[in-house]
Amino acid sequence: MSVTEKQDNRGGARIGAGRKKGIKKRKRQISLFLTYQQWELLEMVATAEDSKLGTFINKREEAFANEIINRFKLELENHNKLNINSE
């Protein structure tokens, strides 16, 4: 049995059972140090958006990361334009 065959069989469920085939990714863990009231507010907002708390936090993290990336791209484009204009 080759390495790839072992990896394919690692899931432990039949293919039609709605589970991913192959190696499973570990779930990301985030550590937030919040007060009890802040956790309650987060849960209320997640419930209002009809989402689980973990999913809600992950979406927020992803949106924040994308915002930072876009801001960096804009700064880089502006920097490149200034360099071209100064030449």
C-alpha atoms as a PDB file:
ATOM      1  CA  MET A   1       0.000   0.000   0.000  1.00  0.00           C
ATOM      2  CA  SER A   2       1.464   3.330  -1.017  1.00  0.00           C
ATOM      3  CA  VAL A   3       1.546   6.482   1.065  1.00  0.00           C
ATOM      4  CA  THR A   4      -1.246   8.132  -0.931  1.00  0.00           C
ATOM      5  CA  GLU A   5      -3.539   5.129  -0.457  1.00  0.00           C
ATOM      6  CA  LYS A   6      -2.983   5.307   3.286  1.00  0.00           C
ATOM      7  CA  GLN A   7      -3.790   9.013   3.237  1.00  0.00           C
ATOM      8  CA  ASP A   8      -6.966   8.421   1.223  1.00  0.00           C
ATOM      9  CA  ASN A   9      -8.228   5.882   3.743  1.00  0.00           C
ATOM     10  CA  ARG A  10      -7.529   8.006   6.779  1.00  0.00           C
ATOM     11  CA  GLY A  11     -11.057   9.476   6.944  1.00  0.00           C
ATOM     12  CA  GLY A  12     -12.689   6.337   8.339  1.00  0.00           C
ATOM     13  CA  ALA A  13     -16.080   6.853   6.697  1.00  0.00           C
ATOM     14  CA  ARG A  14     -17.457   5.642   3.430  1.00  0.00           C
ATOM     15  CA  ILE A  15     -17.167   8.151   0.598  1.00  0.00           C
ATOM     16  CA  GLY A  16     -20.913   8.829   0.379  1.00  0.00           C
ATOM     17  CA  ALA A  17     -21.216   9.681   4.080  1.00  0.00           C
ATOM     18  CA  GLY A  18     -20.690  13.400   3.526  1.00  0.00           C
ATOM     19  CA  ARG A  19     -17.203  13.461   4.997  1.00  0.00           C
ATOM     20  CA  LYS A  20     -14.035  14.743   3.406  1.00  0.00           C
ATOM     21  CA  LYS A  21     -11.711  12.201   1.896  1.00  0.00           C
ATOM     22  CA  GLY A  22      -8.040  12.370   2.754  1.00  0.00           C
ATOM     23  CA  ILE A  23      -6.098  14.217   5.401  1.00  0.00           C
ATOM     24  CA  LYS A  24      -8.166  16.443   7.659  1.00  0.00           C
ATOM     25  CA  LYS A  25      -7.086  19.960   8.512  1.00  0.00           C
ATOM     26  CA  ARG A  26      -6.930  20.939  12.132  1.00  0.00           C
ATOM     27  CA  LYS A  27      -9.395  23.607  13.102  1.00  0.00           C
ATOM     28  CA  ARG A  28      -7.884  26.980  13.812  1.00  0.00           C
ATOM     29  CA  GLN A  29      -7.913  27.944  17.425  1.00  0.00           C
ATOM     30  CA  ILE A  30      -8.091  31.537  18.486  1.00  0.00           C
ATOM     31  CA  SER A  31      -7.509  32.859  21.943  1.00  0.00           C
ATOM     32  CA  LEU A  32      -9.464  35.884  23.008  1.00  0.00           C
ATOM     33  CA  PHE A  33      -9.225  37.358  26.446  1.00  0.00           C
ATOM     34  CA  LEU A  34     -12.642  38.907  26.918  1.00  0.00           C
ATOM     35  CA  THR A  35     -14.783  39.717  29.903  1.00  0.00           C
ATOM     36  CA  TYR A  36     -17.980  37.810  30.542  1.00  0.00           C
ATOM     37  CA  GLN A  37     -20.040  40.762  29.246  1.00  0.00           C
ATOM     38  CA  GLN A  38     -17.973  40.956  26.048  1.00  0.00           C
ATOM     39  CA  TRP A  39     -18.497  37.221  25.389  1.00  0.00           C
ATOM     40  CA  GLU A  40     -22.235  37.691  25.955  1.00  0.00           C
ATOM     41  CA  LEU A  41     -22.315  40.562  23.467  1.00  0.00           C
ATOM     42  CA  LEU A  42     -20.379  38.512  20.907  1.00  0.00           C
ATOM     43  CA  GLU A  43     -22.833  35.631  21.312  1.00  0.00           C
ATOM     44  CA  MET A  44     -25.781  38.006  20.913  1.00  0.00           C
ATOM     45  CA  VAL A  45     -24.355  39.498  17.708  1.00  0.00           C
ATOM     46  CA  ALA A  46     -23.602  36.028  16.321  1.00  0.00           C
ATOM     47  CA  THR A  47     -27.146  34.905  17.128  1.00  0.00           C
ATOM     48  CA  ALA A  48     -28.555  38.018  15.461  1.00  0.00           C
ATOM     49  CA  GLU A  49     -26.620  37.121  12.302  1.00  0.00           C
ATOM     50  CA  ASP A  50     -27.923  33.531  12.598  1.00  0.00           C
ATOM     51  CA  SER A  51     -24.437  32.079  12.942  1.00  0.00           C
ATOM     52  CA  LYS A  52     -22.463  30.014  15.436  1.00  0.00           C
ATOM     53  CA  LEU A  53     -20.040  31.979  17.581  1.00  0.00           C
ATOM     54  CA  GLY A  54     -16.933  30.240  16.171  1.00  0.00           C
ATOM     55  CA  THR A  55     -18.050  30.781  12.581  1.00  0.00           C
ATOM     56  CA  PHE A  56     -18.889  34.406  13.324  1.00  0.00           C
ATOM     57  CA  ILE A  57     -15.451  35.079  14.833  1.00  0.00           C
ATOM     58  CA  ASN A  58     -13.663  33.353  11.941  1.00  0.00           C
ATOM     59  CA  LYS A  59     -15.591  35.454   9.398  1.00  0.00           C
ATOM     60  CA  ARG A  60     -14.664  38.616  11.297  1.00  0.00           C
ATOM     61  CA  GLU A  61     -10.993  37.591  11.400  1.00  0.00           C
ATOM     62  CA  GLU A  62     -11.016  36.842   7.678  1.00  0.00           C
ATOM     63  CA  ALA A  63     -12.700  40.160   6.870  1.00  0.00           C
ATOM     64  CA  PHE A  64     -10.173  42.031   9.018  1.00  0.00           C
ATOM     65  CA  ALA A  65      -7.255  40.227   7.348  1.00  0.00           C
ATOM     66  CA  ASN A  66      -8.635  41.032   3.880  1.00  0.00           C
ATOM     67  CA  GLU A  67      -9.060  44.670   4.897  1.00  0.00           C
ATOM     68  CA  ILE A  68      -5.405  44.873   5.979  1.00  0.00           C
ATOM     69  CA  ILE A  69      -4.247  43.177   2.757  1.00  0.00           C
ATOM     70  CA  ASN A  70      -6.271  45.586   0.607  1.00  0.00           C
ATOM     71  CA  ARG A  71      -4.939  48.578   2.541  1.00  0.00           C
ATOM     72  CA  PHE A  72      -1.370  47.324   2.033  1.00  0.00           C
ATOM     73  CA  LYS A  73      -2.001  46.847  -1.709  1.00  0.00           C
ATOM     74  CA  LEU A  74      -3.298  50.418  -2.008  1.00  0.00           C
ATOM     75  CA  GLU A  75      -0.281  51.801  -0.164  1.00  0.00           C
ATOM     76  CA  LEU A  76       2.031  49.790  -2.411  1.00  0.00           C
ATOM     77  CA  GLU A  77       0.272  51.029  -5.566  1.00  0.00           C
ATOM     78  CA  ASN A  78       0.481  54.640  -4.367  1.00  0.00           C
ATOM     79  CA  HIS A  79       4.162  54.198  -3.535  1.00  0.00           C
ATOM     80  CA  ASN A  80       4.840  52.776  -7.007  1.00  0.00           C
ATOM     81  CA  LYS A  81       2.963  55.665  -8.666  1.00  0.00           C
ATOM     82  CA  LEU A  82       5.022  58.195  -6.715  1.00  0.00           C
ATOM     83  CA  ASN A  83       8.244  56.474  -7.779  1.00  0.00           C
ATOM     84  CA  ILE A  84       7.189  56.500 -11.443  1.00  0.00           C
ATOM     85  CA  ASN A  85       6.167  60.176 -11.277  1.00  0.00           C
ATOM     86  CA  SER A  86       9.410  61.212  -9.576  1.00  0.00           C
ATOM     87  CA  GLU A  87      11.512  59.670 -12.354  1.00  0.00           C
END
